[in-house]
Amino acid sequence: MNGDYSGAAAGLGFGVLLIGIIVYIGILALAIWIGYLIMRTAVKNGILRADEERARRGYGGGGMLPPAPPSGYGPGPGA
């Protein structure tokens, strides 16, 4: 065994490196995913809180609905 890495031990260094890279990428992906979930929850809670505050102040609205069309007879568009 005088430092001869032939046979089964020859690819051990590459295998360990490959497993290390896979684990590193997996941990990085998990951290990004958890950060995304935290940010998504924070934005959702912020929107809900803003809607509650708007409703409490009486600034109700249709949200993203278009404005209501004018009702009744008035001057035309060219007036």
N, C-alpha and C. Protein backbone atom coordinates (compact mmCIF):
# COMPACT_ATOMS: atom_id res chain seq x y z
N MET A 1 0.82 -1.19 0.00
CA MET A 1 0.00 0.00 0.00
C MET A 1 0.86 1.25 0.00
N ASN A 2 1.84 1.30 -0.71
CA ASN A 2 2.77 2.41 -0.70
C ASN A 2 2.25 3.60 -1.53
N GLY A 3 1.04 4.09 -1.24
CA GLY A 3 0.51 5.25 -1.93
C GLY A 3 -0.04 4.95 -3.30
N ASP A 4 -0.28 3.69 -3.61
CA ASP A 4 -0.79 3.33 -4.93
C ASP A 4 -2.31 3.34 -4.89
N TYR A 5 -2.90 4.30 -5.58
CA TYR A 5 -4.36 4.42 -5.60
C TYR A 5 -4.90 3.86 -6.91
N SER A 6 -4.72 2.63 -7.12
CA SER A 6 -5.26 2.01 -8.32
C SER A 6 -6.42 1.11 -7.91
N GLY A 7 -7.24 0.80 -8.84
CA GLY A 7 -8.36 -0.10 -8.56
C GLY A 7 -9.57 0.66 -8.07
N ALA A 8 -10.19 0.14 -7.03
CA ALA A 8 -11.44 0.71 -6.53
C ALA A 8 -11.23 2.08 -5.91
N ALA A 9 -10.07 2.36 -5.36
CA ALA A 9 -9.83 3.65 -4.70
C ALA A 9 -9.44 4.75 -5.68
N ALA A 10 -9.29 4.44 -6.95
CA ALA A 10 -8.84 5.43 -7.92
C ALA A 10 -9.87 6.54 -8.12
N GLY A 11 -11.14 6.18 -8.15
CA GLY A 11 -12.17 7.19 -8.38
C GLY A 11 -12.77 7.76 -7.12
N LEU A 12 -12.19 7.46 -5.97
CA LEU A 12 -12.75 7.91 -4.70
C LEU A 12 -12.71 9.43 -4.58
N GLY A 13 -11.63 10.04 -4.98
CA GLY A 13 -11.52 11.51 -4.89
C GLY A 13 -12.56 12.20 -5.75
N PHE A 14 -12.76 11.72 -6.96
CA PHE A 14 -13.75 12.31 -7.85
C PHE A 14 -15.15 12.10 -7.31
N GLY A 15 -15.43 10.93 -6.77
CA GLY A 15 -16.76 10.65 -6.21
C GLY A 15 -17.08 11.53 -5.03
N VAL A 16 -16.10 11.73 -4.15
CA VAL A 16 -16.31 12.60 -2.99
C VAL A 16 -16.53 14.03 -3.46
N LEU A 17 -15.78 14.47 -4.44
CA LEU A 17 -15.95 15.81 -4.99
C LEU A 17 -17.33 15.96 -5.61
N LEU A 18 -17.77 14.98 -6.35
CA LEU A 18 -19.09 15.03 -6.99
C LEU A 18 -20.20 15.07 -5.94
N ILE A 19 -20.10 14.24 -4.91
CA ILE A 19 -21.10 14.24 -3.85
C ILE A 19 -21.09 15.59 -3.12
N GLY A 20 -19.93 16.13 -2.90
CA GLY A 20 -19.82 17.44 -2.24
C GLY A 20 -20.49 18.54 -3.05
N ILE A 21 -20.28 18.54 -4.36
CA ILE A 21 -20.91 19.54 -5.22
C ILE A 21 -22.42 19.38 -5.22
N ILE A 22 -22.89 18.16 -5.28
CA ILE A 22 -24.34 17.90 -5.26
C ILE A 22 -24.95 18.37 -3.94
N VAL A 23 -24.30 18.08 -2.83
CA VAL A 23 -24.80 18.51 -1.52
C VAL A 23 -24.80 20.04 -1.43
N TYR A 24 -23.75 20.67 -1.93
CA TYR A 24 -23.65 22.13 -1.91
C TYR A 24 -24.78 22.76 -2.71
N ILE A 25 -25.01 22.26 -3.91
CA ILE A 25 -26.09 22.80 -4.76
C ILE A 25 -27.45 22.54 -4.11
N GLY A 26 -27.62 21.39 -3.50
CA GLY A 26 -28.88 21.07 -2.83
C GLY A 26 -29.16 22.01 -1.66
N ILE A 27 -28.15 22.28 -0.85
CA ILE A 27 -28.32 23.19 0.29
C ILE A 27 -28.59 24.60 -0.20
N LEU A 28 -27.90 25.02 -1.25
CA LEU A 28 -28.13 26.35 -1.82
C LEU A 28 -29.56 26.47 -2.36
N ALA A 29 -30.03 25.45 -3.08
CA ALA A 29 -31.39 25.47 -3.61
C ALA A 29 -32.41 25.48 -2.47
N LEU A 30 -32.16 24.73 -1.43
CA LEU A 30 -33.08 24.72 -0.28
C LEU A 30 -33.13 26.08 0.39
N ALA A 31 -31.99 26.74 0.54
CA ALA A 31 -31.96 28.06 1.16
C ALA A 31 -32.71 29.08 0.30
N ILE A 32 -32.53 29.02 -1.00
CA ILE A 32 -33.24 29.94 -1.90
C ILE A 32 -34.74 29.68 -1.83
N TRP A 33 -35.14 28.43 -1.80
CA TRP A 33 -36.57 28.09 -1.76
C TRP A 33 -37.20 28.56 -0.44
N ILE A 34 -36.51 28.35 0.68
CA ILE A 34 -37.03 28.80 1.97
C ILE A 34 -37.12 30.33 1.99
N GLY A 35 -36.14 31.00 1.45
CA GLY A 35 -36.20 32.46 1.35
C GLY A 35 -37.37 32.93 0.51
N TYR A 36 -37.62 32.24 -0.59
CA TYR A 36 -38.77 32.57 -1.45
C TYR A 36 -40.07 32.40 -0.68
N LEU A 37 -40.21 31.31 0.06
CA LEU A 37 -41.44 31.08 0.82
C LEU A 37 -41.63 32.15 1.88
N ILE A 38 -40.56 32.56 2.54
CA ILE A 38 -40.66 33.61 3.55
C ILE A 38 -41.08 34.93 2.91
N MET A 39 -40.48 35.28 1.79
CA MET A 39 -40.82 36.54 1.11
C MET A 39 -42.25 36.51 0.59
N ARG A 40 -42.68 35.38 0.05
CA ARG A 40 -44.04 35.27 -0.47
C ARG A 40 -45.05 35.45 0.65
N THR A 41 -44.79 34.84 1.80
CA THR A 41 -45.69 34.97 2.94
C THR A 41 -45.71 36.41 3.46
N ALA A 42 -44.55 37.05 3.50
CA ALA A 42 -44.48 38.43 3.98
C ALA A 42 -45.25 39.37 3.07
N VAL A 43 -45.12 39.20 1.76
CA VAL A 43 -45.84 40.05 0.82
C VAL A 43 -47.34 39.81 0.94
N LYS A 44 -47.74 38.56 1.05
CA LYS A 44 -49.16 38.23 1.17
C LYS A 44 -49.74 38.84 2.45
N ASN A 45 -49.04 38.71 3.55
CA ASN A 45 -49.52 39.29 4.80
C ASN A 45 -49.55 40.81 4.73
N GLY A 46 -48.60 41.41 4.06
CA GLY A 46 -48.59 42.86 3.91
C GLY A 46 -49.77 43.35 3.08
N ILE A 47 -50.09 42.64 2.03
CA ILE A 47 -51.23 43.02 1.20
C ILE A 47 -52.52 42.86 1.99
N LEU A 48 -52.66 41.77 2.72
CA LEU A 48 -53.87 41.56 3.52
C LEU A 48 -53.99 42.64 4.60
N ARG A 49 -52.88 42.98 5.23
CA ARG A 49 -52.92 44.02 6.27
C ARG A 49 -53.27 45.38 5.66
N ALA A 50 -52.74 45.68 4.48
CA ALA A 50 -53.06 46.94 3.82
C ALA A 50 -54.53 46.99 3.42
N ASP A 51 -55.08 45.88 2.96
CA ASP A 51 -56.50 45.83 2.61
C ASP A 51 -57.36 46.03 3.85
N GLU A 52 -56.99 45.43 4.96
CA GLU A 52 -57.75 45.62 6.20
C GLU A 52 -57.70 47.08 6.65
N GLU A 53 -56.54 47.70 6.55
CA GLU A 53 -56.41 49.11 6.94
C GLU A 53 -57.24 50.00 6.02
N ARG A 54 -57.21 49.72 4.73
CA ARG A 54 -57.99 50.49 3.77
C ARG A 54 -59.48 50.36 4.05
N ALA A 55 -59.92 49.15 4.38
CA ALA A 55 -61.34 48.93 4.69
C ALA A 55 -61.71 49.63 6.00
N ARG A 56 -60.80 49.63 6.97
CA ARG A 56 -61.08 50.28 8.25
C ARG A 56 -61.21 51.78 8.08
N ARG A 57 -60.41 52.37 7.21
CA ARG A 57 -60.48 53.81 6.97
C ARG A 57 -61.62 54.20 6.05
N GLY A 58 -62.24 53.23 5.43
CA GLY A 58 -63.36 53.53 4.55
C GLY A 58 -62.96 53.82 3.12
N TYR A 59 -61.77 53.42 2.75
CA TYR A 59 -61.32 53.61 1.37
C TYR A 59 -61.63 52.38 0.55
N GLY A 60 -62.78 51.84 0.74
CA GLY A 60 -63.12 50.63 0.01
C GLY A 60 -63.05 50.87 -1.48
N GLY A 61 -62.86 49.91 -2.19
CA GLY A 61 -62.79 50.05 -3.63
C GLY A 61 -62.90 48.68 -4.24
N GLY A 62 -62.94 48.67 -5.51
CA GLY A 62 -63.07 47.41 -6.19
C GLY A 62 -61.76 46.70 -6.41
N GLY A 63 -60.70 47.23 -5.83
CA GLY A 63 -59.41 46.59 -6.05
C GLY A 63 -58.93 46.85 -7.46
N MET A 64 -58.82 45.82 -8.24
CA MET A 64 -58.32 45.97 -9.61
C MET A 64 -59.46 46.05 -10.62
N LEU A 65 -60.66 46.30 -10.17
CA LEU A 65 -61.79 46.39 -11.10
C LEU A 65 -61.74 47.71 -11.85
N PRO A 66 -62.23 47.75 -13.07
CA PRO A 66 -62.26 49.02 -13.81
C PRO A 66 -63.32 49.94 -13.21
N PRO A 67 -63.22 51.24 -13.45
CA PRO A 67 -64.23 52.15 -12.90
C PRO A 67 -65.60 51.89 -13.51
N ALA A 68 -66.62 52.21 -12.74
CA ALA A 68 -68.00 51.99 -13.21
C ALA A 68 -68.30 52.96 -14.35
N PRO A 69 -69.06 52.51 -15.34
CA PRO A 69 -69.41 53.42 -16.44
C PRO A 69 -70.36 54.50 -15.94
N PRO A 70 -70.33 55.67 -16.58
CA PRO A 70 -71.24 56.74 -16.14
C PRO A 70 -72.69 56.33 -16.36
N SER A 71 -73.54 56.73 -15.45
CA SER A 71 -74.95 56.37 -15.56
C SER A 71 -75.77 57.61 -15.92
N GLY A 72 -76.87 57.41 -16.55
CA GLY A 72 -77.76 58.51 -16.90
C GLY A 72 -77.36 59.16 -18.20
N TYR A 73 -78.15 60.17 -18.56
CA TYR A 73 -77.89 60.90 -19.81
C TYR A 73 -77.18 62.18 -19.48
N GLY A 74 -76.06 62.37 -20.01
CA GLY A 74 -75.30 63.58 -19.80
C GLY A 74 -74.74 64.05 -21.12
N PRO A 75 -73.91 65.04 -21.08
CA PRO A 75 -73.31 65.49 -22.34
C PRO A 75 -72.47 64.37 -22.95
N GLY A 76 -72.46 64.31 -24.22
CA GLY A 76 -71.73 63.26 -24.93
C GLY A 76 -70.24 63.43 -24.81
N PRO A 77 -69.49 62.53 -25.42
CA PRO A 77 -68.03 62.60 -25.31
C PRO A 77 -67.45 63.83 -25.99
N GLY A 78 -68.17 64.41 -26.96
CA GLY A 78 -67.62 65.58 -27.66
C GLY A 78 -68.03 66.89 -27.03
N ALA A 79 -68.75 66.84 -25.92
CA ALA A 79 -69.25 68.09 -25.33
C ALA A 79 -68.23 68.75 -24.46
